[in-house]
């Protein structure tokens, strides 16, 4: 009997994906809140969103080219 089967790995993959989307939406929400409420750009929040987008697109391109 194995400790980790593929169902566990699939559930972990989905949970991580949903958590990263929720984190990105929360970060984007804070970015927009600070812009509309305080009329200031929060470049630290923008850099997090940009980093998430670049990493995701980079891995999608990598998997597309190597799969």
Protein backbone atom coordinates (compact mmCIF):
# COMPACT_ATOMS: atom_id res chain seq x y z
CA UNK A 1 0.00 0.00 0.00
CA UNK A 2 1.39 3.39 -1.00
CA UNK A 3 1.07 6.37 1.25
CA UNK A 4 0.28 8.82 -1.56
CA UNK A 5 -1.81 7.80 -4.53
CA UNK A 6 -2.64 9.79 -7.63
CA UNK A 7 -5.99 10.97 -6.20
CA UNK A 8 -4.10 12.78 -3.43
CA UNK A 9 -1.75 14.37 -5.95
CA UNK A 10 -4.69 15.46 -8.13
CA UNK A 11 -6.48 16.98 -5.14
CA UNK A 12 -3.31 18.76 -4.06
CA UNK A 13 -2.84 20.15 -7.58
CA UNK A 14 -6.41 21.46 -7.72
CA UNK A 15 -6.23 22.92 -4.20
CA UNK A 16 -2.97 24.71 -5.01
CA UNK A 17 -4.42 26.08 -8.24
CA UNK A 18 -7.56 27.37 -6.53
CA UNK A 19 -5.50 28.87 -3.69
CA UNK A 20 -3.24 30.73 -6.12
CA UNK A 21 -6.22 32.13 -8.04
CA UNK A 22 -7.84 33.24 -4.78
CA UNK A 23 -4.58 34.88 -3.68
CA UNK A 24 -4.24 36.68 -7.01
CA UNK A 25 -7.82 37.93 -6.84
CA UNK A 26 -7.34 39.11 -3.26
CA UNK A 27 -4.13 40.92 -4.21
CA UNK A 28 -5.89 42.49 -7.21
CA UNK A 29 -8.79 43.53 -5.00
CA UNK A 30 -6.43 45.24 -2.56
CA UNK A 31 -4.69 46.95 -5.47
CA UNK A 32 -7.98 48.31 -6.81
CA UNK A 33 -9.20 49.26 -3.32
CA UNK A 34 -6.11 51.35 -2.66
CA UNK A 35 -6.45 52.98 -6.06
CA UNK A 36 -10.13 53.91 -5.72
CA UNK A 37 -10.21 54.65 -1.97
CA UNK A 38 -6.83 56.31 -1.43
CA UNK A 39 -6.05 57.39 -5.03
CA UNK A 40 -2.60 55.84 -4.87
CA UNK A 41 -0.90 53.12 -6.88
CA UNK A 42 0.45 50.27 -4.74
CA UNK A 43 3.37 49.04 -6.82
CA UNK A 44 4.15 46.23 -4.39
CA UNK A 45 0.72 44.69 -4.99
CA UNK A 46 1.02 45.26 -8.72
CA UNK A 47 4.42 43.55 -8.77
CA UNK A 48 2.92 40.47 -7.07
CA UNK A 49 0.14 40.27 -9.67
CA UNK A 50 2.63 40.79 -12.51
CA UNK A 51 4.96 38.11 -11.13
CA UNK A 52 2.10 35.62 -10.85
CA UNK A 53 1.07 36.32 -14.45
CA UNK A 54 4.61 36.02 -15.83
CA UNK A 55 5.31 32.77 -13.99
CA UNK A 56 2.01 31.25 -15.09
CA UNK A 57 2.47 32.22 -18.74
CA UNK A 58 6.08 31.07 -18.66
CA UNK A 59 5.18 27.64 -17.37
CA UNK A 60 2.28 27.34 -19.82
CA UNK A 61 4.69 28.09 -22.68
CA UNK A 62 7.26 25.65 -21.27
CA UNK A 63 4.71 22.85 -20.93
CA UNK A 64 3.35 23.58 -24.42
CA UNK A 65 6.80 23.32 -25.96
CA UNK A 66 7.94 20.24 -24.04
CA UNK A 67 4.71 18.21 -23.95
